[in-house]
Amino acid sequence: MNILDRKTLFTVLLLAILSYALGHFVLLNSQIDPALLLALGIIIGGIASAFASSTGNTGSDVSGTVETTTLYVGNLPYRANEQVVRDLFEEKGQVFSVRLLKDKNTGKRRGFGFVEMPQPDALKAINELNESEFQQRTLKVREAKQKQESLTTNDQD
């Protein structure tokens, strides 16, 4: 969900139901329309969720983005494929992507690749998988260096 995460939506709906139930059972003799009570609950739930997210109490990122880290994984066995590497890293946390590089001419794997994970999971993966044994190879796992963009200058003066 882009606009509301599940926790926020659950909070809004729960407060809407509570508001409706309170109005229906406590104010039974009142002339308040049940639809109005439900709408009031949704408004109260939205305000409560907005307040909770602005104070950081929802446990979710308000912007909906997650800080990710790309890991370099070296000394991989040549027979290892993306799924095997994904399975290995998913033991340490959430994996967004796995890219194993291949030789352009032969199409064979080159023995290294990149794994993208949330930052806390990436740190855990580095600590637990670097210098560990995987299919009879000692893995090298570290944060990937940013690729330097080549300067494209036209020197035809």
N, C-alpha and C. Protein backbone atom coordinates (compact mmCIF):
# COMPACT_ATOMS: atom_id res chain seq x y z
N MET A 1 0.83 -1.18 0.00
CA MET A 1 0.00 0.00 0.00
C MET A 1 0.87 1.23 0.00
N ASN A 2 0.56 2.19 -0.83
CA ASN A 2 1.38 3.38 -0.91
C ASN A 2 0.96 4.46 0.08
N ILE A 3 -0.34 4.71 0.20
CA ILE A 3 -0.80 5.81 1.03
C ILE A 3 -0.81 5.43 2.50
N LEU A 4 -1.36 4.29 2.81
CA LEU A 4 -1.44 3.84 4.19
C LEU A 4 -0.78 2.47 4.30
N ASP A 5 0.08 2.31 5.30
CA ASP A 5 0.60 0.97 5.52
C ASP A 5 -0.44 0.15 6.27
N ARG A 6 -0.20 -1.12 6.42
CA ARG A 6 -1.20 -2.02 7.03
C ARG A 6 -1.47 -1.66 8.48
N LYS A 7 -0.43 -1.29 9.20
CA LYS A 7 -0.61 -0.95 10.61
C LYS A 7 -1.48 0.29 10.76
N THR A 8 -1.27 1.29 9.93
CA THR A 8 -2.07 2.50 9.98
C THR A 8 -3.51 2.20 9.60
N LEU A 9 -3.70 1.42 8.55
CA LEU A 9 -5.05 1.06 8.12
C LEU A 9 -5.78 0.28 9.21
N PHE A 10 -5.07 -0.64 9.85
CA PHE A 10 -5.67 -1.41 10.94
C PHE A 10 -6.08 -0.48 12.08
N THR A 11 -5.23 0.48 12.43
CA THR A 11 -5.54 1.43 13.50
C THR A 11 -6.77 2.25 13.16
N VAL A 12 -6.84 2.74 11.93
CA VAL A 12 -7.99 3.54 11.50
C VAL A 12 -9.27 2.72 11.58
N LEU A 13 -9.24 1.51 11.05
CA LEU A 13 -10.43 0.66 11.06
C LEU A 13 -10.84 0.27 12.48
N LEU A 14 -9.87 -0.03 13.33
CA LEU A 14 -10.18 -0.40 14.71
C LEU A 14 -10.84 0.77 15.44
N LEU A 15 -10.31 1.96 15.27
CA LEU A 15 -10.92 3.12 15.93
C LEU A 15 -12.29 3.45 15.33
N ALA A 16 -12.47 3.19 14.05
CA ALA A 16 -13.78 3.41 13.44
C ALA A 16 -14.81 2.45 14.03
N ILE A 17 -14.44 1.20 14.17
CA ILE A 17 -15.36 0.20 14.73
C ILE A 17 -15.66 0.51 16.19
N LEU A 18 -14.62 0.88 16.95
CA LEU A 18 -14.83 1.24 18.35
C LEU A 18 -15.74 2.45 18.49
N SER A 19 -15.53 3.43 17.64
CA SER A 19 -16.37 4.63 17.69
C SER A 19 -17.82 4.29 17.36
N TYR A 20 -18.01 3.45 16.35
CA TYR A 20 -19.36 3.04 15.98
C TYR A 20 -20.02 2.26 17.13
N ALA A 21 -19.27 1.31 17.71
CA ALA A 21 -19.81 0.50 18.80
C ALA A 21 -20.14 1.36 20.01
N LEU A 22 -19.25 2.27 20.36
CA LEU A 22 -19.49 3.16 21.48
C LEU A 22 -20.73 4.00 21.24
N GLY A 23 -20.83 4.56 20.06
CA GLY A 23 -22.00 5.38 19.74
C GLY A 23 -23.28 4.57 19.70
N HIS A 24 -23.19 3.37 19.20
CA HIS A 24 -24.39 2.54 19.06
C HIS A 24 -24.90 2.03 20.41
N PHE A 25 -24.00 1.57 21.26
CA PHE A 25 -24.42 0.97 22.52
C PHE A 25 -24.56 1.97 23.66
N VAL A 26 -23.67 2.93 23.74
CA VAL A 26 -23.72 3.90 24.83
C VAL A 26 -24.75 4.99 24.55
N LEU A 27 -24.78 5.43 23.33
CA LEU A 27 -25.70 6.51 22.97
C LEU A 27 -26.91 5.96 22.24
N LEU A 28 -27.43 4.84 22.72
CA LEU A 28 -28.51 4.13 22.04
C LEU A 28 -29.75 5.00 21.84
N ASN A 29 -30.04 5.85 22.78
CA ASN A 29 -31.23 6.68 22.69
C ASN A 29 -30.99 7.97 21.93
N SER A 30 -29.76 8.21 21.51
CA SER A 30 -29.48 9.46 20.80
C SER A 30 -29.92 9.35 19.34
N GLN A 31 -29.98 10.46 18.71
CA GLN A 31 -30.43 10.53 17.32
C GLN A 31 -29.25 10.60 16.34
N ILE A 32 -28.07 10.11 16.73
CA ILE A 32 -26.90 10.18 15.87
C ILE A 32 -26.94 9.03 14.87
N ASP A 33 -26.77 9.37 13.61
CA ASP A 33 -26.79 8.39 12.53
C ASP A 33 -25.57 7.46 12.64
N PRO A 34 -25.73 6.13 12.52
CA PRO A 34 -24.59 5.20 12.61
C PRO A 34 -23.50 5.48 11.57
N ALA A 35 -23.89 5.93 10.40
CA ALA A 35 -22.89 6.25 9.36
C ALA A 35 -22.02 7.42 9.81
N LEU A 36 -22.63 8.38 10.50
CA LEU A 36 -21.88 9.53 11.02
C LEU A 36 -20.89 9.06 12.08
N LEU A 37 -21.31 8.11 12.93
CA LEU A 37 -20.41 7.57 13.95
C LEU A 37 -19.23 6.84 13.30
N LEU A 38 -19.51 6.10 12.24
CA LEU A 38 -18.44 5.40 11.54
C LEU A 38 -17.47 6.39 10.91
N ALA A 39 -17.99 7.42 10.28
CA ALA A 39 -17.15 8.45 9.68
C ALA A 39 -16.31 9.15 10.74
N LEU A 40 -16.92 9.43 11.88
CA LEU A 40 -16.19 10.06 12.99
C LEU A 40 -15.05 9.15 13.45
N GLY A 41 -15.31 7.85 13.52
CA GLY A 41 -14.26 6.90 13.91
C GLY A 41 -13.11 6.88 12.92
N ILE A 42 -13.43 6.96 11.64
CA ILE A 42 -12.37 6.99 10.61
C ILE A 42 -11.54 8.26 10.75
N ILE A 43 -12.18 9.37 11.00
CA ILE A 43 -11.45 10.64 11.18
C ILE A 43 -10.56 10.56 12.42
N ILE A 44 -11.12 10.07 13.52
CA ILE A 44 -10.33 9.95 14.75
C ILE A 44 -9.16 8.99 14.54
N GLY A 45 -9.41 7.89 13.86
CA GLY A 45 -8.34 6.93 13.58
C GLY A 45 -7.25 7.53 12.72
N GLY A 46 -7.64 8.32 11.73
CA GLY A 46 -6.65 8.97 10.87
C GLY A 46 -5.80 9.97 11.63
N ILE A 47 -6.44 10.73 12.49
CA ILE A 47 -5.70 11.70 13.30
C ILE A 47 -4.75 10.98 14.25
N ALA A 48 -5.24 9.92 14.89
CA ALA A 48 -4.40 9.16 15.82
C ALA A 48 -3.21 8.53 15.09
N SER A 49 -3.45 8.00 13.90
CA SER A 49 -2.36 7.39 13.14
C SER A 49 -1.35 8.42 12.68
N ALA A 50 -1.83 9.58 12.24
CA ALA A 50 -0.92 10.65 11.81
C ALA A 50 -0.08 11.12 12.99
N PHE A 51 -0.70 11.24 14.15
CA PHE A 51 0.04 11.65 15.34
C PHE A 51 1.08 10.61 15.71
N ALA A 52 0.69 9.34 15.69
CA ALA A 52 1.62 8.27 16.04
C ALA A 52 2.78 8.20 15.06
N SER A 53 2.52 8.37 13.77
CA SER A 53 3.60 8.30 12.79
C SER A 53 4.51 9.51 12.88
N SER A 54 3.97 10.68 13.25
CA SER A 54 4.82 11.85 13.38
C SER A 54 5.70 11.79 14.61
N THR A 55 5.30 11.01 15.62
CA THR A 55 6.12 10.84 16.82
C THR A 55 6.96 9.59 16.74
N GLY A 56 6.82 8.83 15.64
CA GLY A 56 7.65 7.65 15.43
C GLY A 56 7.17 6.41 16.16
N ASN A 57 5.90 6.33 16.51
CA ASN A 57 5.41 5.20 17.29
C ASN A 57 4.77 4.09 16.47
N THR A 58 4.78 4.18 15.16
CA THR A 58 4.11 3.15 14.37
C THR A 58 5.04 2.01 14.00
N GLY A 59 6.34 2.22 14.07
CA GLY A 59 7.27 1.18 13.68
C GLY A 59 7.49 1.13 12.18
N SER A 60 6.86 2.02 11.43
CA SER A 60 7.07 2.05 9.99
C SER A 60 7.63 3.41 9.59
N ASP A 61 8.28 3.43 8.46
CA ASP A 61 8.85 4.65 7.94
C ASP A 61 7.73 5.47 7.29
N VAL A 62 7.61 6.75 7.69
CA VAL A 62 6.53 7.59 7.19
C VAL A 62 6.60 7.75 5.68
N SER A 63 7.82 7.86 5.14
CA SER A 63 7.96 8.07 3.71
C SER A 63 7.74 6.79 2.91
N GLY A 64 7.74 5.66 3.58
CA GLY A 64 7.52 4.39 2.89
C GLY A 64 8.78 3.84 2.25
N THR A 65 9.94 4.46 2.50
CA THR A 65 11.18 3.97 1.93
C THR A 65 11.98 3.24 2.99
N VAL A 66 12.79 2.31 2.53
CA VAL A 66 13.65 1.54 3.41
C VAL A 66 15.09 1.81 2.98
N GLU A 67 15.94 2.08 3.94
CA GLU A 67 17.36 2.30 3.65
C GLU A 67 17.97 0.96 3.25
N THR A 68 18.48 0.87 2.03
CA THR A 68 19.04 -0.39 1.54
C THR A 68 20.55 -0.30 1.41
N THR A 69 21.16 -1.46 1.42
CA THR A 69 22.60 -1.56 1.23
C THR A 69 22.85 -2.64 0.19
N THR A 70 23.75 -2.35 -0.73
CA THR A 70 24.15 -3.35 -1.72
C THR A 70 25.45 -3.98 -1.24
N LEU A 71 25.44 -5.30 -1.19
CA LEU A 71 26.61 -6.04 -0.74
C LEU A 71 27.34 -6.65 -1.93
N TYR A 72 28.65 -6.61 -1.87
CA TYR A 72 29.49 -7.35 -2.82
C TYR A 72 29.69 -8.73 -2.22
N VAL A 73 29.48 -9.77 -3.03
CA VAL A 73 29.69 -11.15 -2.59
C VAL A 73 30.70 -11.76 -3.54
N GLY A 74 31.89 -12.03 -3.03
CA GLY A 74 32.96 -12.56 -3.85
C GLY A 74 33.32 -13.98 -3.48
N ASN A 75 34.07 -14.62 -4.36
CA ASN A 75 34.54 -16.00 -4.22
C ASN A 75 33.37 -16.99 -4.18
N LEU A 76 32.33 -16.69 -4.94
CA LEU A 76 31.19 -17.61 -5.05
C LEU A 76 31.56 -18.80 -5.92
N PRO A 77 31.04 -19.95 -5.62
CA PRO A 77 31.25 -21.10 -6.51
C PRO A 77 30.62 -20.79 -7.88
N TYR A 78 31.25 -21.23 -8.92
CA TYR A 78 30.74 -20.94 -10.26
C TYR A 78 29.40 -21.62 -10.52
N ARG A 79 29.11 -22.69 -9.82
CA ARG A 79 27.85 -23.40 -10.01
C ARG A 79 26.69 -22.75 -9.25
N ALA A 80 26.97 -21.80 -8.34
CA ALA A 80 25.92 -21.15 -7.55
C ALA A 80 25.09 -20.24 -8.46
N ASN A 81 23.76 -20.34 -8.34
CA ASN A 81 22.88 -19.47 -9.12
C ASN A 81 22.22 -18.44 -8.20
N GLU A 82 21.41 -17.56 -8.78
CA GLU A 82 20.77 -16.50 -8.01
C GLU A 82 19.90 -17.03 -6.88
N GLN A 83 19.16 -18.11 -7.12
CA GLN A 83 18.26 -18.64 -6.10
C GLN A 83 19.03 -19.20 -4.90
N VAL A 84 20.13 -19.88 -5.17
CA VAL A 84 20.94 -20.44 -4.08
C VAL A 84 21.52 -19.30 -3.23
N VAL A 85 22.01 -18.26 -3.87
CA VAL A 85 22.57 -17.12 -3.15
C VAL A 85 21.46 -16.39 -2.38
N ARG A 86 20.30 -16.23 -3.01
CA ARG A 86 19.15 -15.60 -2.34
C ARG A 86 18.78 -16.38 -1.08
N ASP A 87 18.70 -17.70 -1.20
CA ASP A 87 18.35 -18.55 -0.05
C ASP A 87 19.36 -18.37 1.08
N LEU A 88 20.64 -18.31 0.74
CA LEU A 88 21.69 -18.14 1.75
C LEU A 88 21.52 -16.82 2.49
N PHE A 89 21.29 -15.74 1.75
CA PHE A 89 21.19 -14.42 2.37
C PHE A 89 19.84 -14.20 3.07
N GLU A 90 18.80 -14.88 2.61
CA GLU A 90 17.50 -14.75 3.28
C GLU A 90 17.51 -15.35 4.67
N GLU A 91 18.49 -16.21 4.96
CA GLU A 91 18.65 -16.71 6.33
C GLU A 91 19.06 -15.59 7.28
N LYS A 92 19.61 -14.52 6.73
CA LYS A 92 20.09 -13.39 7.53
C LYS A 92 19.12 -12.21 7.51
N GLY A 93 18.15 -12.22 6.60
CA GLY A 93 17.20 -11.12 6.53
C GLY A 93 16.54 -11.04 5.16
N GLN A 94 15.82 -9.95 4.95
CA GLN A 94 15.09 -9.73 3.70
C GLN A 94 16.06 -9.42 2.56
N VAL A 95 15.80 -10.01 1.40
CA VAL A 95 16.62 -9.78 0.22
C VAL A 95 15.76 -9.14 -0.86
N PHE A 96 16.20 -7.99 -1.37
CA PHE A 96 15.47 -7.30 -2.44
C PHE A 96 15.89 -7.80 -3.81
N SER A 97 17.19 -8.00 -4.00
CA SER A 97 17.64 -8.46 -5.32
C SER A 97 18.97 -9.19 -5.19
N VAL A 98 19.22 -10.06 -6.18
CA VAL A 98 20.49 -10.78 -6.30
C VAL A 98 20.91 -10.68 -7.75
N ARG A 99 22.15 -10.24 -7.99
CA ARG A 99 22.69 -10.15 -9.35
C ARG A 99 24.05 -10.83 -9.38
N LEU A 100 24.16 -11.91 -10.12
CA LEU A 100 25.44 -12.58 -10.29
C LEU A 100 25.95 -12.23 -11.68
N LEU A 101 27.19 -11.81 -11.74
CA LEU A 101 27.73 -11.38 -13.01
C LEU A 101 28.23 -12.55 -13.84
N LYS A 102 28.06 -12.41 -15.16
CA LYS A 102 28.49 -13.43 -16.11
C LYS A 102 29.47 -12.82 -17.09
N ASP A 103 30.33 -13.65 -17.62
CA ASP A 103 31.27 -13.23 -18.66
C ASP A 103 30.49 -12.94 -19.92
N LYS A 104 30.77 -11.82 -20.57
CA LYS A 104 30.03 -11.43 -21.78
C LYS A 104 30.24 -12.41 -22.92
N ASN A 105 31.43 -12.95 -23.05
CA ASN A 105 31.74 -13.83 -24.17
C ASN A 105 31.25 -15.26 -23.98
N THR A 106 31.48 -15.80 -22.78
CA THR A 106 31.15 -17.21 -22.56
C THR A 106 29.79 -17.42 -21.92
N GLY A 107 29.28 -16.40 -21.22
CA GLY A 107 28.00 -16.54 -20.52
C GLY A 107 28.11 -17.27 -19.20
N LYS A 108 29.34 -17.66 -18.81
CA LYS A 108 29.55 -18.35 -17.54
C LYS A 108 29.65 -17.34 -16.40
N ARG A 109 29.25 -17.79 -15.22
CA ARG A 109 29.32 -16.92 -14.04
C ARG A 109 30.78 -16.61 -13.71
N ARG A 110 30.98 -15.39 -13.16
CA ARG A 110 32.33 -14.93 -12.89
C ARG A 110 32.76 -15.14 -11.44
N GLY A 111 31.87 -15.66 -10.58
CA GLY A 111 32.26 -15.96 -9.21
C GLY A 111 32.02 -14.83 -8.22
N PHE A 112 31.29 -13.80 -8.65
CA PHE A 112 30.92 -12.75 -7.71
C PHE A 112 29.60 -12.13 -8.12
N GLY A 113 29.03 -11.39 -7.22
CA GLY A 113 27.75 -10.75 -7.50
C GLY A 113 27.39 -9.74 -6.43
N PHE A 114 26.14 -9.31 -6.48
CA PHE A 114 25.66 -8.26 -5.58
C PHE A 114 24.31 -8.66 -5.01
N VAL A 115 24.13 -8.38 -3.72
CA VAL A 115 22.88 -8.67 -3.03
C VAL A 115 22.41 -7.37 -2.39
N GLU A 116 21.16 -7.01 -2.63
CA GLU A 116 20.60 -5.79 -2.05
C GLU A 116 19.66 -6.17 -0.91
N MET A 117 19.91 -5.57 0.27
CA MET A 117 19.15 -5.89 1.48
C MET A 117 18.88 -4.61 2.28
N PRO A 118 17.89 -4.65 3.20
CA PRO A 118 17.75 -3.52 4.13
C PRO A 118 19.03 -3.39 4.95
N GLN A 119 19.36 -2.17 5.33
CA GLN A 119 20.64 -1.90 5.98
C GLN A 119 20.92 -2.77 7.22
N PRO A 120 19.97 -2.92 8.15
CA PRO A 120 20.28 -3.76 9.32
C PRO A 120 20.54 -5.23 8.96
N ASP A 121 19.77 -5.74 8.00
CA ASP A 121 19.96 -7.12 7.56
C ASP A 121 21.30 -7.28 6.84
N ALA A 122 21.70 -6.26 6.10
CA ALA A 122 22.97 -6.31 5.38
C ALA A 122 24.14 -6.38 6.36
N LEU A 123 24.06 -5.60 7.43
CA LEU A 123 25.12 -5.63 8.43
C LEU A 123 25.21 -7.01 9.08
N LYS A 124 24.06 -7.61 9.34
CA LYS A 124 24.03 -8.96 9.91
C LYS A 124 24.64 -9.95 8.93
N ALA A 125 24.31 -9.83 7.65
CA ALA A 125 24.85 -10.73 6.63
C ALA A 125 26.36 -10.60 6.53
N ILE A 126 26.86 -9.37 6.58
CA ILE A 126 28.32 -9.16 6.51
C ILE A 126 28.98 -9.86 7.70
N ASN A 127 28.45 -9.60 8.89
CA ASN A 127 29.05 -10.16 10.10
C ASN A 127 29.03 -11.69 10.12
N GLU A 128 27.97 -12.28 9.60
CA GLU A 128 27.82 -13.73 9.70
C GLU A 128 28.31 -14.51 8.48
N LEU A 129 28.36 -13.87 7.31
CA LEU A 129 28.74 -14.62 6.10
C LEU A 129 30.14 -14.33 5.59
N ASN A 130 30.72 -13.18 5.94
CA ASN A 130 32.07 -12.88 5.47
C ASN A 130 33.04 -13.90 6.07
N GLU A 131 33.91 -14.44 5.22
CA GLU A 131 34.90 -15.44 5.61
C GLU A 131 34.26 -16.77 6.03
N SER A 132 32.98 -16.98 5.67
CA SER A 132 32.33 -18.26 5.99
C SER A 132 32.46 -19.21 4.81
N GLU A 133 32.32 -20.48 5.09
CA GLU A 133 32.42 -21.53 4.08
C GLU A 133 31.07 -21.71 3.40
N PHE A 134 31.06 -21.70 2.07
CA PHE A 134 29.84 -21.92 1.30
C PHE A 134 30.20 -22.75 0.07
N GLN A 135 29.69 -23.95 0.00
CA GLN A 135 29.97 -24.88 -1.09
C GLN A 135 31.48 -24.98 -1.36
N GLN A 136 32.23 -25.21 -0.29
CA GLN A 136 33.68 -25.39 -0.32
C GLN A 136 34.46 -24.17 -0.80
N ARG A 137 33.84 -22.98 -0.67
CA ARG A 137 34.54 -21.72 -0.98
C ARG A 137 34.41 -20.80 0.22
N THR A 138 35.39 -19.96 0.46
CA THR A 138 35.34 -18.98 1.54
C THR A 138 34.82 -17.66 0.96
N LEU A 139 33.62 -17.29 1.39
CA LEU A 139 32.96 -16.09 0.85
C LEU A 139 33.63 -14.80 1.32
N LYS A 140 33.58 -13.81 0.47
CA LYS A 140 33.98 -12.45 0.80
C LYS A 140 32.71 -11.61 0.70
N VAL A 141 32.24 -11.10 1.82
CA VAL A 141 31.01 -10.31 1.83
C VAL A 141 31.32 -8.96 2.46
N ARG A 142 31.06 -7.89 1.73
CA ARG A 142 31.27 -6.53 2.24
C ARG A 142 30.34 -5.58 1.51
N GLU A 143 30.26 -4.37 2.02
CA GLU A 143 29.43 -3.37 1.35
C GLU A 143 30.05 -3.03 0.01
N ALA A 144 29.22 -3.00 -1.01
CA ALA A 144 29.71 -2.72 -2.36
C ALA A 144 30.11 -1.26 -2.47
N LYS A 145 31.16 -1.02 -3.23
CA LYS A 145 31.59 0.35 -3.51
C LYS A 145 30.69 0.91 -4.59
N GLN A 146 30.41 2.19 -4.51
CA GLN A 146 29.60 2.83 -5.54
C GLN A 146 30.38 2.87 -6.84
N LYS A 147 29.72 2.54 -7.92
CA LYS A 147 30.35 2.55 -9.24
C LYS A 147 30.61 4.00 -9.63
N GLN A 148 31.84 4.28 -10.02
CA GLN A 148 32.20 5.62 -10.45
C GLN A 148 31.65 5.86 -11.85
N GLU A 149 30.89 6.92 -11.98
CA GLU A 149 30.37 7.26 -13.30
C GLU A 149 31.49 7.91 -14.10
N SER A 150 31.67 7.41 -15.32
CA SER A 150 32.75 7.95 -16.14
C SER A 150 32.36 9.33 -16.65
N LEU A 151 33.37 10.18 -16.66
CA LEU A 151 33.15 11.53 -17.17
C LEU A 151 33.14 11.48 -18.68
N THR A 152 32.10 12.00 -19.27
CA THR A 152 32.02 12.01 -20.72
C THR A 152 32.24 13.44 -21.19
N THR A 153 33.50 13.73 -21.48
CA THR A 153 33.84 15.06 -22.00
C THR A 153 34.22 14.93 -23.45
N ASN A 154 33.88 15.89 -24.20
CA ASN A 154 34.18 15.88 -25.61
C ASN A 154 35.41 16.73 -25.85
N ASP A 155 36.55 16.11 -26.11
CA ASP A 155 37.81 16.83 -26.27
C ASP A 155 38.14 17.05 -27.74
N GLN A 156 37.22 17.62 -28.47
CA GLN A 156 37.46 17.87 -29.89
C GLN A 156 37.74 19.33 -30.15
N ASP A 157 38.53 19.94 -29.28
CA ASP A 157 38.84 21.38 -29.47
C ASP A 157 39.91 21.60 -30.47
